[in-house]
Amino acid sequence: MLKARTPKPPADLSEGSKAFWKQVTQGWELDVHHAALLQIACKSWDRASEAATAVATEGAYFTDRHGNRKPHPGIAVELQSRKLFLSSLRELGLDVKAPEAPRAPALPHYRPAEKEIGRVC
């Protein structure tokens, strides 16, 4: 039986994302479309990290030319990139825990209606 070749991480990923790539590709059997999703996830993580660094360096808010305080654009980039990272992981199925053992469905609990005392119709 031939051992499947693990794809190398893209060169433009950060060292942390390359390590994550290697961990996933060694632990999971990925098809071509899965590798593309993994690349999207890793690049999204890198983009979120870049945005977080920019916000930390430049501050969370700035004053525009009209004197109005506005949030740093990197905040939105970081948030969107993290959401894309998480959705890519869900698409890959990396967020799934092992299924529980099958069991009988739980029946709803019924309580008899309490009698209303002294109610006049």
PDB file of N, CA and C in Angstrom:
ATOM      1  N   MET A   1       0.847  -1.175   0.000  1.00  0.00           N
ATOM      2  CA  MET A   1       0.000   0.000   0.000  1.00  0.00           C
ATOM      3  C   MET A   1       0.892   1.238   0.000  1.00  0.00           C
ATOM      4  N   LEU A   2       0.597   2.178  -0.883  1.00  0.00           N
ATOM      5  CA  LEU A   2       1.371   3.408  -0.966  1.00  0.00           C
ATOM      6  C   LEU A   2       0.901   4.404   0.073  1.00  0.00           C
ATOM      7  N   LYS A   3       1.848   5.060   0.670  1.00  0.00           N
ATOM      8  CA  LYS A   3       1.505   6.081   1.654  1.00  0.00           C
ATOM      9  C   LYS A   3       1.173   7.373   0.913  1.00  0.00           C
ATOM     10  N   ALA A   4       0.058   7.985   1.274  1.00  0.00           N
ATOM     11  CA  ALA A   4      -0.348   9.234   0.632  1.00  0.00           C
ATOM     12  C   ALA A   4       0.642  10.332   0.979  1.00  0.00           C
ATOM     13  N   ARG A   5       0.983  11.131  -0.017  1.00  0.00           N
ATOM     14  CA  ARG A   5       1.918  12.224   0.185  1.00  0.00           C
ATOM     15  C   ARG A   5       1.207  13.401   0.829  1.00  0.00           C
ATOM     16  N   THR A   6       1.788  13.931   1.877  1.00  0.00           N
ATOM     17  CA  THR A   6       1.167  15.086   2.527  1.00  0.00           C
ATOM     18  C   THR A   6       1.590  16.346   1.788  1.00  0.00           C
ATOM     19  N   PRO A   7       0.624  17.213   1.481  1.00  0.00           N
ATOM     20  CA  PRO A   7       0.965  18.436   0.751  1.00  0.00           C
ATOM     21  C   PRO A   7       1.780  19.388   1.624  1.00  0.00           C
ATOM     22  N   LYS A   8       2.716  20.069   0.990  1.00  0.00           N
ATOM     23  CA  LYS A   8       3.534  21.039   1.710  1.00  0.00           C
ATOM     24  C   LYS A   8       2.722  22.312   1.912  1.00  0.00           C
ATOM     25  N   PRO A   9       2.997  23.020   3.004  1.00  0.00           N
ATOM     26  CA  PRO A   9       2.277  24.271   3.238  1.00  0.00           C
ATOM     27  C   PRO A   9       2.699  25.340   2.223  1.00  0.00           C
ATOM     28  N   PRO A  10       1.786  26.221   1.854  1.00  0.00           N
ATOM     29  CA  PRO A  10       2.148  27.310   0.955  1.00  0.00           C
ATOM     30  C   PRO A  10       3.269  28.157   1.555  1.00  0.00           C
ATOM     31  N   ALA A  11       4.147  28.657   0.713  1.00  0.00           N
ATOM     32  CA  ALA A  11       5.327  29.397   1.165  1.00  0.00           C
ATOM     33  C   ALA A  11       4.970  30.714   1.836  1.00  0.00           C
ATOM     34  N   ASP A  12       3.834  31.309   1.495  1.00  0.00           N
ATOM     35  CA  ASP A  12       3.494  32.629   2.028  1.00  0.00           C
ATOM     36  C   ASP A  12       2.809  32.592   3.395  1.00  0.00           C
ATOM     37  N   LEU A  13       2.686  31.408   3.998  1.00  0.00           N
ATOM     38  CA  LEU A  13       2.089  31.319   5.330  1.00  0.00           C
ATOM     39  C   LEU A  13       3.105  31.666   6.404  1.00  0.00           C
ATOM     40  N   SER A  14       2.606  32.123   7.554  1.00  0.00           N
ATOM     41  CA  SER A  14       3.478  32.382   8.701  1.00  0.00           C
ATOM     42  C   SER A  14       3.977  31.049   9.251  1.00  0.00           C
ATOM     43  N   GLU A  15       4.976  31.116  10.106  1.00  0.00           N
ATOM     44  CA  GLU A  15       5.521  29.887  10.693  1.00  0.00           C
ATOM     45  C   GLU A  15       4.464  29.154  11.521  1.00  0.00           C
ATOM     46  N   GLY A  16       3.645  29.903  12.252  1.00  0.00           N
ATOM     47  CA  GLY A  16       2.583  29.284  13.050  1.00  0.00           C
ATOM     48  C   GLY A  16       1.558  28.578  12.182  1.00  0.00           C
ATOM     49  N   SER A  17       1.198  29.196  11.072  1.00  0.00           N
ATOM     50  CA  SER A  17       0.229  28.580  10.162  1.00  0.00           C
ATOM     51  C   SER A  17       0.835  27.377   9.449  1.00  0.00           C
ATOM     52  N   LYS A  18       2.119  27.448   9.139  1.00  0.00           N
ATOM     53  CA  LYS A  18       2.788  26.297   8.529  1.00  0.00           C
ATOM     54  C   LYS A  18       2.789  25.105   9.491  1.00  0.00           C
ATOM     55  N   ALA A  19       3.024  25.382  10.764  1.00  0.00           N
ATOM     56  CA  ALA A  19       3.006  24.311  11.769  1.00  0.00           C
ATOM     57  C   ALA A  19       1.597  23.721  11.882  1.00  0.00           C
ATOM     58  N   PHE A  20       0.581  24.570  11.871  1.00  0.00           N
ATOM     59  CA  PHE A  20      -0.804  24.110  11.921  1.00  0.00           C
ATOM     60  C   PHE A  20      -1.117  23.263  10.691  1.00  0.00           C
ATOM     61  N   TRP A  21      -0.687  23.724   9.511  1.00  0.00           N
ATOM     62  CA  TRP A  21      -0.881  22.994   8.248  1.00  0.00           C
ATOM     63  C   TRP A  21      -0.299  21.589   8.363  1.00  0.00           C
ATOM     64  N   LYS A  22       0.943  21.517   8.846  1.00  0.00           N
ATOM     65  CA  LYS A  22       1.618  20.219   8.948  1.00  0.00           C
ATOM     66  C   LYS A  22       0.897  19.296   9.926  1.00  0.00           C
ATOM     67  N   GLN A  23       0.445  19.851  11.027  1.00  0.00           N
ATOM     68  CA  GLN A  23      -0.258  19.052  12.028  1.00  0.00           C
ATOM     69  C   GLN A  23      -1.549  18.481  11.447  1.00  0.00           C
ATOM     70  N   VAL A  24      -2.285  19.303  10.709  1.00  0.00           N
ATOM     71  CA  VAL A  24      -3.557  18.850  10.135  1.00  0.00           C
ATOM     72  C   VAL A  24      -3.311  17.832   9.025  1.00  0.00           C
ATOM     73  N   THR A  25      -2.363  18.119   8.133  1.00  0.00           N
ATOM     74  CA  THR A  25      -2.144  17.206   7.007  1.00  0.00           C
ATOM     75  C   THR A  25      -1.546  15.874   7.440  1.00  0.00           C
ATOM     76  N   GLN A  26      -0.843  15.845   8.562  1.00  0.00           N
ATOM     77  CA  GLN A  26      -0.300  14.577   9.050  1.00  0.00           C
ATOM     78  C   GLN A  26      -1.341  13.776   9.818  1.00  0.00           C
ATOM     79  N   GLY A  27      -2.323  14.462  10.384  1.00  0.00           N
ATOM     80  CA  GLY A  27      -3.325  13.780  11.196  1.00  0.00           C
ATOM     81  C   GLY A  27      -4.614  13.456  10.464  1.00  0.00           C
ATOM     82  N   TRP A  28      -4.834  14.033   9.293  1.00  0.00           N
ATOM     83  CA  TRP A  28      -6.083  13.847   8.565  1.00  0.00           C
ATOM     84  C   TRP A  28      -5.778  13.505   7.112  1.00  0.00           C
ATOM     85  N   GLU A  29      -6.640  12.745   6.511  1.00  0.00           N
ATOM     86  CA  GLU A  29      -6.530  12.466   5.080  1.00  0.00           C
ATOM     87  C   GLU A  29      -7.345  13.525   4.349  1.00  0.00           C
ATOM     88  N   LEU A  30      -6.674  14.339   3.547  1.00  0.00           N
ATOM     89  CA  LEU A  30      -7.333  15.462   2.883  1.00  0.00           C
ATOM     90  C   LEU A  30      -7.380  15.264   1.377  1.00  0.00           C
ATOM     91  N   ASP A  31      -8.516  15.582   0.775  1.00  0.00           N
ATOM     92  CA  ASP A  31      -8.634  15.643  -0.680  1.00  0.00           C
ATOM     93  C   ASP A  31      -8.140  17.005  -1.141  1.00  0.00           C
ATOM     94  N   VAL A  32      -8.122  17.217  -2.453  1.00  0.00           N
ATOM     95  CA  VAL A  32      -7.620  18.470  -3.008  1.00  0.00           C
ATOM     96  C   VAL A  32      -8.448  19.658  -2.517  1.00  0.00           C
ATOM     97  N   HIS A  33      -9.760  19.512  -2.507  1.00  0.00           N
ATOM     98  CA  HIS A  33     -10.600  20.627  -2.067  1.00  0.00           C
ATOM     99  C   HIS A  33     -10.427  20.898  -0.570  1.00  0.00           C
ATOM    100  N   HIS A  34     -10.082  19.861   0.200  1.00  0.00           N
ATOM    101  CA  HIS A  34      -9.808  20.066   1.619  1.00  0.00           C
ATOM    102  C   HIS A  34      -8.526  20.864   1.812  1.00  0.00           C
ATOM    103  N   ALA A  35      -7.528  20.594   0.985  1.00  0.00           N
ATOM    104  CA  ALA A  35      -6.274  21.351   1.068  1.00  0.00           C
ATOM    105  C   ALA A  35      -6.521  22.820   0.746  1.00  0.00           C
ATOM    106  N   ALA A  36      -7.410  23.080  -0.205  1.00  0.00           N
ATOM    107  CA  ALA A  36      -7.744  24.472  -0.538  1.00  0.00           C
ATOM    108  C   ALA A  36      -8.436  25.151   0.640  1.00  0.00           C
ATOM    109  N   LEU A  37      -9.338  24.433   1.307  1.00  0.00           N
ATOM    110  CA  LEU A  37     -10.005  24.983   2.486  1.00  0.00           C
ATOM    111  C   LEU A  37      -9.017  25.218   3.622  1.00  0.00           C
ATOM    112  N   LEU A  38      -8.083  24.307   3.783  1.00  0.00           N
ATOM    113  CA  LEU A  38      -7.062  24.475   4.814  1.00  0.00           C
ATOM    114  C   LEU A  38      -6.195  25.690   4.518  1.00  0.00           C
ATOM    115  N   GLN A  39      -5.893  25.911   3.246  1.00  0.00           N
ATOM    116  CA  GLN A  39      -5.114  27.087   2.865  1.00  0.00           C
ATOM    117  C   GLN A  39      -5.890  28.367   3.171  1.00  0.00           C
ATOM    118  N   ILE A  40      -7.187  28.374   2.887  1.00  0.00           N
ATOM    119  CA  ILE A  40      -8.029  29.535   3.213  1.00  0.00           C
ATOM    120  C   ILE A  40      -8.019  29.775   4.720  1.00  0.00           C
ATOM    121  N   ALA A  41      -8.145  28.703   5.495  1.00  0.00           N
ATOM    122  CA  ALA A  41      -8.148  28.830   6.956  1.00  0.00           C
ATOM    123  C   ALA A  41      -6.831  29.423   7.445  1.00  0.00           C
ATOM    124  N   CYS A  42      -5.712  28.899   6.948  1.00  0.00           N
ATOM    125  CA  CYS A  42      -4.404  29.376   7.403  1.00  0.00           C
ATOM    126  C   CYS A  42      -4.163  30.827   7.002  1.00  0.00           C
ATOM    127  N   LYS A  43      -4.528  31.180   5.777  1.00  0.00           N
ATOM    128  CA  LYS A  43      -4.339  32.570   5.336  1.00  0.00           C
ATOM    129  C   LYS A  43      -5.249  33.508   6.129  1.00  0.00           C
ATOM    130  N   SER A  44      -6.440  33.042   6.463  1.00  0.00           N
ATOM    131  CA  SER A  44      -7.351  33.858   7.261  1.00  0.00           C
ATOM    132  C   SER A  44      -6.778  34.094   8.649  1.00  0.00           C
ATOM    133  N   TRP A  45      -6.176  33.068   9.237  1.00  0.00           N
ATOM    134  CA  TRP A  45      -5.554  33.217  10.545  1.00  0.00           C
ATOM    135  C   TRP A  45      -4.410  34.227  10.475  1.00  0.00           C
ATOM    136  N   ASP A  46      -3.599  34.117   9.425  1.00  0.00           N
ATOM    137  CA  ASP A  46      -2.488  35.060   9.264  1.00  0.00           C
ATOM    138  C   ASP A  46      -2.998  36.486   9.098  1.00  0.00           C
ATOM    139  N   ARG A  47      -4.062  36.665   8.309  1.00  0.00           N
ATOM    140  CA  ARG A  47      -4.625  38.001   8.095  1.00  0.00           C
ATOM    141  C   ARG A  47      -5.184  38.557   9.395  1.00  0.00           C
ATOM    142  N   ALA A  48      -5.838  37.726  10.179  1.00  0.00           N
ATOM    143  CA  ALA A  48      -6.362  38.168  11.470  1.00  0.00           C
ATOM    144  C   ALA A  48      -5.222  38.578  12.396  1.00  0.00           C
ATOM    145  N   SER A  49      -4.142  37.821  12.377  1.00  0.00           N
ATOM    146  CA  SER A  49      -2.988  38.155  13.221  1.00  0.00           C
ATOM    147  C   SER A  49      -2.336  39.464  12.789  1.00  0.00           C
ATOM    148  N   GLU A  50      -2.229  39.681  11.479  1.00  0.00           N
ATOM    149  CA  GLU A  50      -1.679  40.941  10.963  1.00  0.00           C
ATOM    150  C   GLU A  50      -2.545  42.126  11.389  1.00  0.00           C
ATOM    151  N   ALA A  51      -3.850  41.956  11.264  1.00  0.00           N
ATOM    152  CA  ALA A  51      -4.765  43.028  11.647  1.00  0.00           C
ATOM    153  C   ALA A  51      -4.687  43.306  13.143  1.00  0.00           C
ATOM    154  N   ALA A  52      -4.602  42.252  13.954  1.00  0.00           N
ATOM    155  CA  ALA A  52      -4.506  42.431  15.403  1.00  0.00           C
ATOM    156  C   ALA A  52      -3.213  43.155  15.767  1.00  0.00           C
ATOM    157  N   THR A  53      -2.134  42.863  15.074  1.00  0.00           N
ATOM    158  CA  THR A  53      -0.857  43.547  15.320  1.00  0.00           C
ATOM    159  C   THR A  53      -0.958  45.019  14.950  1.00  0.00           C
ATOM    160  N   ALA A  54      -1.611  45.307  13.822  1.00  0.00           N
ATOM    161  CA  ALA A  54      -1.774  46.708  13.401  1.00  0.00           C
ATOM    162  C   ALA A  54      -2.606  47.485  14.411  1.00  0.00           C
ATOM    163  N   VAL A  55      -3.668  46.870  14.901  1.00  0.00           N
ATOM    164  CA  VAL A  55      -4.524  47.535  15.895  1.00  0.00           C
ATOM    165  C   VAL A  55      -3.754  47.757  17.187  1.00  0.00           C
ATOM    166  N   ALA A  56      -2.974  46.768  17.596  1.00  0.00           N
ATOM    167  CA  ALA A  56      -2.197  46.904  18.832  1.00  0.00           C
ATOM    168  C   ALA A  56      -1.143  47.999  18.699  1.00  0.00           C
ATOM    169  N   THR A  57      -0.562  48.133  17.526  1.00  0.00           N
ATOM    170  CA  THR A  57       0.485  49.132  17.296  1.00  0.00           C
ATOM    171  C   THR A  57      -0.092  50.540  17.140  1.00  0.00           C
ATOM    172  N   GLU A  58      -1.152  50.654  16.346  1.00  0.00           N
ATOM    173  CA  GLU A  58      -1.700  51.963  15.992  1.00  0.00           C
ATOM    174  C   GLU A  58      -2.833  52.423  16.898  1.00  0.00           C
ATOM    175  N   GLY A  59      -3.358  51.528  17.713  1.00  0.00           N
ATOM    176  CA  GLY A  59      -4.471  51.884  18.592  1.00  0.00           C
ATOM    177  C   GLY A  59      -5.794  51.451  17.989  1.00  0.00           C
ATOM    178  N   ALA A  60      -6.772  51.227  18.843  1.00  0.00           N
ATOM    179  CA  ALA A  60      -8.069  50.729  18.403  1.00  0.00           C
ATOM    180  C   ALA A  60      -8.930  51.800  17.744  1.00  0.00           C
ATOM    181  N   TYR A  61      -8.590  53.085  17.985  1.00  0.00           N
ATOM    182  CA  TYR A  61      -9.385  54.176  17.430  1.00  0.00           C
ATOM    183  C   TYR A  61      -8.476  55.228  16.829  1.00  0.00           C
ATOM    184  N   PHE A  62      -9.036  55.996  15.898  1.00  0.00           N
ATOM    185  CA  PHE A  62      -8.318  57.122  15.307  1.00  0.00           C
ATOM    186  C   PHE A  62      -9.297  58.264  15.101  1.00  0.00           C
ATOM    187  N   THR A  63      -8.759  59.441  14.883  1.00  0.00           N
ATOM    188  CA  THR A  63      -9.583  60.619  14.625  1.00  0.00           C
ATOM    189  C   THR A  63      -9.497  60.937  13.140  1.00  0.00           C
ATOM    190  N   ASP A  64     -10.656  61.021  12.490  1.00  0.00           N
ATOM    191  CA  ASP A  64     -10.644  61.317  11.054  1.00  0.00           C
ATOM    192  C   ASP A  64     -10.429  62.805  10.806  1.00  0.00           C
ATOM    193  N   ARG A  65     -10.432  63.225   9.554  1.00  0.00           N
ATOM    194  CA  ARG A  65     -10.120  64.619   9.211  1.00  0.00           C
ATOM    195  C   ARG A  65     -11.180  65.603   9.699  1.00  0.00           C
ATOM    196  N   HIS A  66     -12.347  65.087  10.074  1.00  0.00           N
ATOM    197  CA  HIS A  66     -13.409  65.946  10.590  1.00  0.00           C
ATOM    198  C   HIS A  66     -13.434  65.973  12.119  1.00  0.00           C
ATOM    199  N   GLY A  67     -12.498  65.290  12.742  1.00  0.00           N
ATOM    200  CA  GLY A  67     -12.418  65.273  14.196  1.00  0.00           C
ATOM    201  C   GLY A  67     -13.261  64.200  14.865  1.00  0.00           C
ATOM    202  N   ASN A  68     -13.813  63.276  14.092  1.00  0.00           N
ATOM    203  CA  ASN A  68     -14.644  62.198  14.641  1.00  0.00           C
ATOM    204  C   ASN A  68     -13.787  60.983  15.001  1.00  0.00           C
ATOM    205  N   ARG A  69     -14.066  60.391  16.172  1.00  0.00           N
ATOM    206  CA  ARG A  69     -13.348  59.166  16.576  1.00  0.00           C
ATOM    207  C   ARG A  69     -13.986  57.975  15.866  1.00  0.00           C
ATOM    208  N   LYS A  70     -13.143  57.150  15.283  1.00  0.00           N
ATOM    209  CA  LYS A  70     -13.627  55.980  14.555  1.00  0.00           C
ATOM    210  C   LYS A  70     -12.784  54.773  14.933  1.00  0.00           C
ATOM    211  N   PRO A  71     -13.387  53.583  14.845  1.00  0.00           N
ATOM    212  CA  PRO A  71     -12.608  52.376  15.132  1.00  0.00           C
ATOM    213  C   PRO A  71     -11.603  52.104  14.014  1.00  0.00           C
ATOM    214  N   HIS A  72     -10.506  51.515  14.391  1.00  0.00           N
ATOM    215  CA  HIS A  72      -9.464  51.146  13.425  1.00  0.00           C
ATOM    216  C   HIS A  72     -10.051  50.138  12.425  1.00  0.00           C
ATOM    217  N   PRO A  73      -9.799  50.296  11.130  1.00  0.00           N
ATOM    218  CA  PRO A  73     -10.325  49.334  10.143  1.00  0.00           C
ATOM    219  C   PRO A  73      -9.819  47.912  10.368  1.00  0.00           C
ATOM    220  N   GLY A  74      -8.683  47.778  11.024  1.00  0.00           N
ATOM    221  CA  GLY A  74      -8.137  46.454  11.294  1.00  0.00           C
ATOM    222  C   GLY A  74      -9.008  45.633  12.219  1.00  0.00           C
ATOM    223  N   ILE A  75      -9.821  46.295  13.028  1.00  0.00           N
ATOM    224  CA  ILE A  75     -10.726  45.562  13.925  1.00  0.00           C
ATOM    225  C   ILE A  75     -11.706  44.729  13.102  1.00  0.00           C
ATOM    226  N   ALA A  76     -12.289  45.343  12.062  1.00  0.00           N
ATOM    227  CA  ALA A  76     -13.233  44.618  11.204  1.00  0.00           C
ATOM    228  C   ALA A  76     -12.525  43.519  10.422  1.00  0.00           C
ATOM    229  N   VAL A  77     -11.320  43.793   9.936  1.00  0.00           N
ATOM    230  CA  VAL A  77     -10.557  42.788   9.190  1.00  0.00           C
ATOM    231  C   VAL A  77     -10.248  41.595  10.087  1.00  0.00           C
ATOM    232  N   GLU A  78      -9.838  41.874  11.315  1.00  0.00           N
ATOM    233  CA  GLU A  78      -9.533  40.788  12.254  1.00  0.00           C
ATOM    234  C   GLU A  78     -10.764  39.934  12.519  1.00  0.00           C
ATOM    235  N   LEU A  79     -11.886  40.580  12.784  1.00  0.00           N
ATOM    236  CA  LEU A  79     -13.121  39.856  13.081  1.00  0.00           C
ATOM    237  C   LEU A  79     -13.560  38.998  11.888  1.00  0.00           C
ATOM    238  N   GLN A  80     -13.564  39.580  10.689  1.00  0.00           N
ATOM    239  CA  GLN A  80     -13.985  38.832   9.497  1.00  0.00           C
ATOM    240  C   GLN A  80     -13.037  37.671   9.207  1.00  0.00           C
ATOM    241  N   SER A  81     -11.757  37.891   9.397  1.00  0.00           N
ATOM    242  CA  SER A  81     -10.777  36.832   9.141  1.00  0.00           C
ATOM    243  C   SER A  81     -10.918  35.696  10.133  1.00  0.00           C
ATOM    244  N   ARG A  82     -11.181  36.025  11.388  1.00  0.00           N
ATOM    245  CA  ARG A  82     -11.379  34.966  12.384  1.00  0.00           C
ATOM    246  C   ARG A  82     -12.645  34.164  12.090  1.00  0.00           C
ATOM    247  N   LYS A  83     -13.700  34.836  11.639  1.00  0.00           N
ATOM    248  CA  LYS A  83     -14.928  34.132  11.272  1.00  0.00           C
ATOM    249  C   LYS A  83     -14.686  33.205  10.085  1.00  0.00           C
ATOM    250  N   LEU A  84     -13.925  33.668   9.106  1.00  0.00           N
ATOM    251  CA  LEU A  84     -13.612  32.826   7.950  1.00  0.00           C
ATOM    252  C   LEU A  84     -12.754  31.634   8.368  1.00  0.00           C
ATOM    253  N   PHE A  85     -11.826  31.854   9.289  1.00  0.00           N
ATOM    254  CA  PHE A  85     -11.002  30.761   9.808  1.00  0.00           C
ATOM    255  C   PHE A  85     -11.885  29.695  10.448  1.00  0.00           C
ATOM    256  N   LEU A  86     -12.791  30.118  11.318  1.00  0.00           N
ATOM    257  CA  LEU A  86     -13.664  29.169  12.016  1.00  0.00           C
ATOM    258  C   LEU A  86     -14.604  28.441  11.062  1.00  0.00           C
ATOM    259  N   SER A  87     -15.157  29.164  10.085  1.00  0.00           N
ATOM    260  CA  SER A  87     -16.057  28.492   9.142  1.00  0.00           C
ATOM    261  C   SER A  87     -15.286  27.520   8.254  1.00  0.00           C
ATOM    262  N   SER A  88     -14.036  27.830   7.933  1.00  0.00           N
ATOM    263  CA  SER A  88     -13.215  26.899   7.156  1.00  0.00           C
ATOM    264  C   SER A  88     -12.943  25.624   7.952  1.00  0.00           C
ATOM    265  N   LEU A  89     -12.684  25.782   9.242  1.00  0.00           N
ATOM    266  CA  LEU A  89     -12.480  24.601  10.092  1.00  0.00           C
ATOM    267  C   LEU A  89     -13.742  23.745  10.155  1.00  0.00           C
ATOM    268  N   ARG A  90     -14.892  24.408  10.233  1.00  0.00           N
ATOM    269  CA  ARG A  90     -16.154  23.655  10.252  1.00  0.00           C
ATOM    270  C   ARG A  90     -16.359  22.921   8.932  1.00  0.00           C
ATOM    271  N   GLU A  91     -16.047  23.571   7.810  1.00  0.00           N
ATOM    272  CA  GLU A  91     -16.171  22.930   6.502  1.00  0.00           C
ATOM    273  C   GLU A  91     -15.265  21.710   6.404  1.00  0.00           C
ATOM    274  N   LEU A  92     -14.082  21.822   6.963  1.00  0.00           N
ATOM    275  CA  LEU A  92     -13.146  20.705   6.949  1.00  0.00           C
ATOM    276  C   LEU A  92     -13.566  19.592   7.907  1.00  0.00           C
ATOM    277  N   GLY A  93     -14.396  19.941   8.870  1.00  0.00           N
ATOM    278  CA  GLY A  93     -14.820  18.954   9.865  1.00  0.00           C
ATOM    279  C   GLY A  93     -13.829  18.809  10.998  1.00  0.00           C
ATOM    280  N   LEU A  94     -12.946  19.793  11.165  1.00  0.00           N
ATOM    281  CA  LEU A  94     -11.944  19.709  12.218  1.00  0.00           C
ATOM    282  C   LEU A  94     -12.497  20.098  13.581  1.00  0.00           C
ATOM    283  N   ASP A  95     -13.696  20.658  13.604  1.00  0.00           N
ATOM    284  CA  ASP A  95     -14.279  21.073  14.873  1.00  0.00           C
ATOM    285  C   ASP A  95     -15.242  20.035  15.427  1.00  0.00           C
ATOM    286  N   VAL A  96     -15.356  18.895  14.766  1.00  0.00           N
ATOM    287  CA  VAL A  96     -16.328  17.883  15.148  1.00  0.00           C
ATOM    288  C   VAL A  96     -15.732  16.973  16.215  1.00  0.00           C
ATOM    289  N   LYS A  97     -16.476  16.771  17.293  1.00  0.00           N
ATOM    290  CA  LYS A  97     -16.019  15.832  18.312  1.00  0.00           C
ATOM    291  C   LYS A  97     -16.566  14.444  17.977  1.00  0.00           C
ATOM    292  N   ALA A  98     -16.032  13.469  18.604  1.00  0.00           N
ATOM    293  CA  ALA A  98     -16.443  12.091  18.342  1.00  0.00           C
ATOM    294  C   ALA A  98     -17.929  11.928  18.658  1.00  0.00           C
ATOM    295  N   PRO A  99     -18.636  11.164  17.837  1.00  0.00           N
ATOM    296  CA  PRO A  99     -20.069  10.984  18.106  1.00  0.00           C
ATOM    297  C   PRO A  99     -20.287  10.197  19.393  1.00  0.00           C
ATOM    298  N   GLU A 100     -21.366  10.540  20.050  1.00  0.00           N
ATOM    299  CA  GLU A 100     -21.721   9.839  21.279  1.00  0.00           C
ATOM    300  C   GLU A 100     -22.357   8.502  20.931  1.00  0.00           C
ATOM    301  N   ALA A 101     -22.346   7.597  21.887  1.00  0.00           N
ATOM    302  CA  ALA A 101     -22.982   6.298  21.679  1.00  0.00           C
ATOM    303  C   ALA A 101     -24.484   6.505  21.501  1.00  0.00           C
ATOM    304  N   PRO A 102     -25.110   5.733  20.619  1.00  0.00           N
ATOM    305  CA  PRO A 102     -26.548   5.903  20.413  1.00  0.00           C
ATOM    306  C   PRO A 102     -27.330   5.548  21.681  1.00  0.00           C
ATOM    307  N   ARG A 103     -28.403   6.265  21.880  1.00  0.00           N
ATOM    308  CA  ARG A 103     -29.260   5.985  23.030  1.00  0.00           C
ATOM    309  C   ARG A 103     -30.700   6.290  22.656  1.00  0.00           C
ATOM    310  N   ALA A 104     -31.610   5.779  23.441  1.00  0.00           N
ATOM    311  CA  ALA A 104     -33.027   5.998  23.173  1.00  0.00           C
ATOM    312  C   ALA A 104     -33.356   7.471  23.359  1.00  0.00           C
ATOM    313  N   PRO A 105     -34.249   7.992  22.549  1.00  0.00           N
ATOM    314  CA  PRO A 105     -34.614   9.404  22.712  1.00  0.00           C
ATOM    315  C   PRO A 105     -35.298   9.645  24.051  1.00  0.00           C
ATOM    316  N   ALA A 106     -35.067  10.790  24.607  1.00  0.00           N
ATOM    317  CA  ALA A 106     -35.690  11.145  25.885  1.00  0.00           C
ATOM    318  C   ALA A 106     -37.131  11.562  25.633  1.00  0.00           C
ATOM    319  N   LEU A 107     -38.005  11.055  26.451  1.00  0.00           N
ATOM    320  CA  LEU A 107     -39.413  11.414  26.322  1.00  0.00           C
ATOM    321  C   LEU A 107     -39.689  12.689  27.100  1.00  0.00           C
ATOM    322  N   PRO A 108     -40.571  13.519  26.576  1.00  0.00           N
ATOM    323  CA  PRO A 108     -40.882  14.746  27.316  1.00  0.00           C
ATOM    324  C   PRO A 108     -41.588  14.410  28.625  1.00  0.00           C
ATOM    325  N   HIS A 109     -41.397  15.260  29.589  1.00  0.00           N
ATOM    326  CA  HIS A 109     -41.993  15.063  30.903  1.00  0.00           C
ATOM    327  C   HIS A 109     -43.329  15.807  30.946  1.00  0.00           C
ATOM    328  N   TYR A 110     -44.391  15.066  31.204  1.00  0.00           N
ATOM    329  CA  TYR A 110     -45.711  15.685  31.258  1.00  0.00           C
ATOM    330  C   TYR A 110     -46.150  15.813  32.702  1.00  0.00           C
ATOM    331  N   ARG A 111     -46.648  16.981  33.038  1.00  0.00           N
ATOM    332  CA  ARG A 111     -47.224  17.199  34.367  1.00  0.00           C
ATOM    333  C   ARG A 111     -48.716  17.407  34.198  1.00  0.00           C
ATOM    334  N   PRO A 112     -49.493  16.813  35.068  1.00  0.00           N
ATOM    335  CA  PRO A 112     -50.934  17.062  34.971  1.00  0.00           C
ATOM    336  C   PRO A 112     -51.215  18.522  35.320  1.00  0.00           C
ATOM    337  N   ALA A 113     -52.159  19.082  34.614  1.00  0.00           N
ATOM    338  CA  ALA A 113     -52.512  20.472  34.857  1.00  0.00           C
ATOM    339  C   ALA A 113     -53.052  20.616  36.282  1.00  0.00           C
ATOM    340  N   GLU A 114     -52.581  21.658  36.935  1.00  0.00           N
ATOM    341  CA  GLU A 114     -53.044  21.902  38.307  1.00  0.00           C
ATOM    342  C   GLU A 114     -54.469  22.432  38.252  1.00  0.00           C
ATOM    343  N   LYS A 115     -55.269  21.958  39.193  1.00  0.00           N
ATOM    344  CA  LYS A 115     -56.660  22.403  39.254  1.00  0.00           C
ATOM    345  C   LYS A 115     -56.696  23.816  39.828  1.00  0.00           C
ATOM    346  N   GLU A 116     -57.492  24.605  39.203  1.00  0.00           N
ATOM    347  CA  GLU A 116     -57.648  25.965  39.727  1.00  0.00           C
ATOM    348  C   GLU A 116     -58.788  25.934  40.734  1.00  0.00           C
ATOM    349  N   ILE A 117     -58.494  26.382  41.930  1.00  0.00           N
ATOM    350  CA  ILE A 117     -59.474  26.363  43.020  1.00  0.00           C
ATOM    351  C   ILE A 117     -60.140  27.727  43.094  1.00  0.00           C
ATOM    352  N   GLY A 118     -61.437  27.690  43.193  1.00  0.00           N
ATOM    353  CA  GLY A 118     -62.192  28.909  43.404  1.00  0.00           C
ATOM    354  C   GLY A 118     -62.374  29.752  42.151  1.00  0.00           C
ATOM    355  N   ARG A 119     -62.168  29.198  41.013  1.00  0.00           N
ATOM    356  CA  ARG A 119     -62.350  29.980  39.780  1.00  0.00           C
ATOM    357  C   ARG A 119     -63.815  29.993  39.411  1.00  0.00           C
ATOM    358  N   VAL A 120     -64.307  31.176  39.132  1.00  0.00           N
ATOM    359  CA  VAL A 120     -65.704  31.338  38.755  1.00  0.00           C
ATOM    360  C   VAL A 120     -65.727  31.689  37.274  1.00  0.00           C
ATOM    361  N   CYS A 121     -66.517  30.948  36.517  1.00  0.00           N
ATOM    362  CA  CYS A 121     -66.600  31.208  35.082  1.00  0.00           C
ATOM    363  C   CYS A 121     -67.648  32.222  34.770  1.00  0.00           C
TER     364      CYS A 121
END
